[in-house]
Amino acid sequence: MHIKWNALAQTAGLSFGVTVAVVAVFALGILALSRREAAVSAAAEGGTATGTAGGGRLALAGACVCFALCGGAVLYGLSLIAGK
């Protein structure tokens, strides 16, 4: 039995990199949701800072994009596992 160590190392490195990227994007989505909550609570308390309502909408849109990217990566991985 012959093991192709180079191919194994490339696969391990790529899977590690993709895992770190997906976790980082998910964390950015969580951060965007927390920023949205802060903007909404500031607006509810009467803090009329410039762009508070727009910042909440922008943060929600960013969180949705981040979670959609994570979901897409998971579905792509499942399609690779399931095959044709």
C-alpha atoms as a PDB file:
ATOM      1  CA  MET A   1       0.000   0.000   0.000  1.00  0.00           C
ATOM      2  CA  HIS A   2       1.373   3.373  -1.022  1.00  0.00           C
ATOM      3  CA  ILE A   3       0.209   6.573   0.692  1.00  0.00           C
ATOM      4  CA  LYS A   4       0.465   9.841  -1.210  1.00  0.00           C
ATOM      5  CA  TRP A   5       1.598  12.063   1.656  1.00  0.00           C
ATOM      6  CA  ASN A   6       1.592  15.215  -0.430  1.00  0.00           C
ATOM      7  CA  ALA A   7      -2.054  14.767  -1.404  1.00  0.00           C
ATOM      8  CA  LEU A   8      -2.965  13.974   2.202  1.00  0.00           C
ATOM      9  CA  ALA A   9      -1.232  17.128   3.438  1.00  0.00           C
ATOM     10  CA  GLN A  10      -2.927  19.265   0.776  1.00  0.00           C
ATOM     11  CA  THR A  11      -6.341  17.871   1.682  1.00  0.00           C
ATOM     12  CA  ALA A  12      -5.772  18.410   5.399  1.00  0.00           C
ATOM     13  CA  GLY A  13      -4.509  21.955   4.852  1.00  0.00           C
ATOM     14  CA  LEU A  14      -7.393  22.908   2.594  1.00  0.00           C
ATOM     15  CA  SER A  15     -10.006  21.445   4.927  1.00  0.00           C
ATOM     16  CA  PHE A  16      -8.445  23.282   7.873  1.00  0.00           C
ATOM     17  CA  GLY A  17      -8.437  26.557   5.937  1.00  0.00           C
ATOM     18  CA  VAL A  18     -12.054  26.210   4.834  1.00  0.00           C
ATOM     19  CA  THR A  19     -13.106  25.321   8.385  1.00  0.00           C
ATOM     20  CA  VAL A  20     -11.398  28.407   9.801  1.00  0.00           C
ATOM     21  CA  ALA A  21     -12.978  30.577   7.089  1.00  0.00           C
ATOM     22  CA  VAL A  22     -16.499  29.267   7.749  1.00  0.00           C
ATOM     23  CA  VAL A  23     -16.118  29.755  11.506  1.00  0.00           C
ATOM     24  CA  ALA A  24     -14.800  33.297  10.973  1.00  0.00           C
ATOM     25  CA  VAL A  25     -17.709  34.208   8.685  1.00  0.00           C
ATOM     26  CA  PHE A  26     -20.189  32.750  11.186  1.00  0.00           C
ATOM     27  CA  ALA A  27     -18.575  34.779  13.968  1.00  0.00           C
ATOM     28  CA  LEU A  28     -18.900  37.921  11.819  1.00  0.00           C
ATOM     29  CA  GLY A  29     -22.593  37.121  11.417  1.00  0.00           C
ATOM     30  CA  ILE A  30     -23.017  36.823  15.187  1.00  0.00           C
ATOM     31  CA  LEU A  31     -21.140  40.112  15.629  1.00  0.00           C
ATOM     32  CA  ALA A  32     -23.415  41.808  13.113  1.00  0.00           C
ATOM     33  CA  LEU A  33     -26.491  40.572  14.980  1.00  0.00           C
ATOM     34  CA  SER A  34     -25.151  41.927  18.253  1.00  0.00           C
ATOM     35  CA  ARG A  35     -24.418  45.275  16.593  1.00  0.00           C
ATOM     36  CA  ARG A  36     -27.995  45.309  15.283  1.00  0.00           C
ATOM     37  CA  GLU A  37     -29.376  44.674  18.767  1.00  0.00           C
ATOM     38  CA  ALA A  38     -27.252  47.516  20.129  1.00  0.00           C
ATOM     39  CA  ALA A  39     -28.516  49.857  17.404  1.00  0.00           C
ATOM     40  CA  VAL A  40     -32.138  48.864  18.008  1.00  0.00           C
ATOM     41  CA  SER A  41     -31.854  49.279  21.775  1.00  0.00           C
ATOM     42  CA  ALA A  42     -30.163  52.673  21.348  1.00  0.00           C
ATOM     43  CA  ALA A  43     -32.981  53.782  19.075  1.00  0.00           C
ATOM     44  CA  ALA A  44     -35.588  52.498  21.545  1.00  0.00           C
ATOM     45  CA  GLU A  45     -33.980  54.405  24.422  1.00  0.00           C
ATOM     46  CA  GLY A  46     -34.258  57.639  22.493  1.00  0.00           C
ATOM     47  CA  GLY A  47     -30.667  57.880  21.390  1.00  0.00           C
ATOM     48  CA  THR A  48     -31.135  59.532  18.044  1.00  0.00           C
ATOM     49  CA  ALA A  49     -27.619  58.995  16.833  1.00  0.00           C
ATOM     50  CA  THR A  50     -27.108  59.586  13.155  1.00  0.00           C
ATOM     51  CA  GLY A  51     -27.705  56.441  11.140  1.00  0.00           C
ATOM     52  CA  THR A  52     -28.982  54.310  14.025  1.00  0.00           C
ATOM     53  CA  ALA A  53     -31.922  52.834  12.123  1.00  0.00           C
ATOM     54  CA  GLY A  54     -29.877  52.406   8.964  1.00  0.00           C
ATOM     55  CA  GLY A  55     -27.064  50.798  10.917  1.00  0.00           C
ATOM     56  CA  GLY A  56     -29.486  48.235  12.316  1.00  0.00           C
ATOM     57  CA  ARG A  57     -30.731  47.350   8.854  1.00  0.00           C
ATOM     58  CA  LEU A  58     -27.224  47.196   7.442  1.00  0.00           C
ATOM     59  CA  ALA A  59     -26.059  44.955  10.279  1.00  0.00           C
ATOM     60  CA  LEU A  60     -29.013  42.621   9.732  1.00  0.00           C
ATOM     61  CA  ALA A  61     -28.271  42.440   6.017  1.00  0.00           C
ATOM     62  CA  GLY A  62     -24.617  41.668   6.743  1.00  0.00           C
ATOM     63  CA  ALA A  63     -25.596  38.931   9.184  1.00  0.00           C
ATOM     64  CA  CYS A  64     -27.925  37.387   6.608  1.00  0.00           C
ATOM     65  CA  VAL A  65     -25.161  37.402   4.008  1.00  0.00           C
ATOM     66  CA  CYS A  66     -22.713  35.777   6.447  1.00  0.00           C
ATOM     67  CA  PHE A  67     -25.168  33.058   7.429  1.00  0.00           C
ATOM     68  CA  ALA A  68     -26.068  32.438   3.781  1.00  0.00           C
ATOM     69  CA  LEU A  69     -22.375  31.979   2.949  1.00  0.00           C
ATOM     70  CA  CYS A  70     -22.005  29.499   5.816  1.00  0.00           C
ATOM     71  CA  GLY A  71     -25.086  27.596   4.708  1.00  0.00           C
ATOM     72  CA  GLY A  72     -23.822  27.521   1.134  1.00  0.00           C
ATOM     73  CA  ALA A  73     -20.468  26.129   2.235  1.00  0.00           C
ATOM     74  CA  VAL A  74     -22.189  23.413   4.267  1.00  0.00           C
ATOM     75  CA  LEU A  75     -24.502  22.466   1.395  1.00  0.00           C
ATOM     76  CA  TYR A  76     -21.567  22.382  -1.028  1.00  0.00           C
ATOM     77  CA  GLY A  77     -19.661  20.091   1.335  1.00  0.00           C
ATOM     78  CA  LEU A  78     -22.671  17.800   1.648  1.00  0.00           C
ATOM     79  CA  SER A  79     -23.008  17.659  -2.124  1.00  0.00           C
ATOM     80  CA  LEU A  80     -19.344  16.639  -2.382  1.00  0.00           C
ATOM     81  CA  ILE A  81     -19.863  13.884   0.188  1.00  0.00           C
ATOM     82  CA  ALA A  82     -23.121  12.614  -1.329  1.00  0.00           C
ATOM     83  CA  GLY A  83     -21.665  12.466  -4.820  1.00  0.00           C
ATOM     84  CA  LYS A  84     -23.645  12.282  -8.001  1.00  0.00           C
END
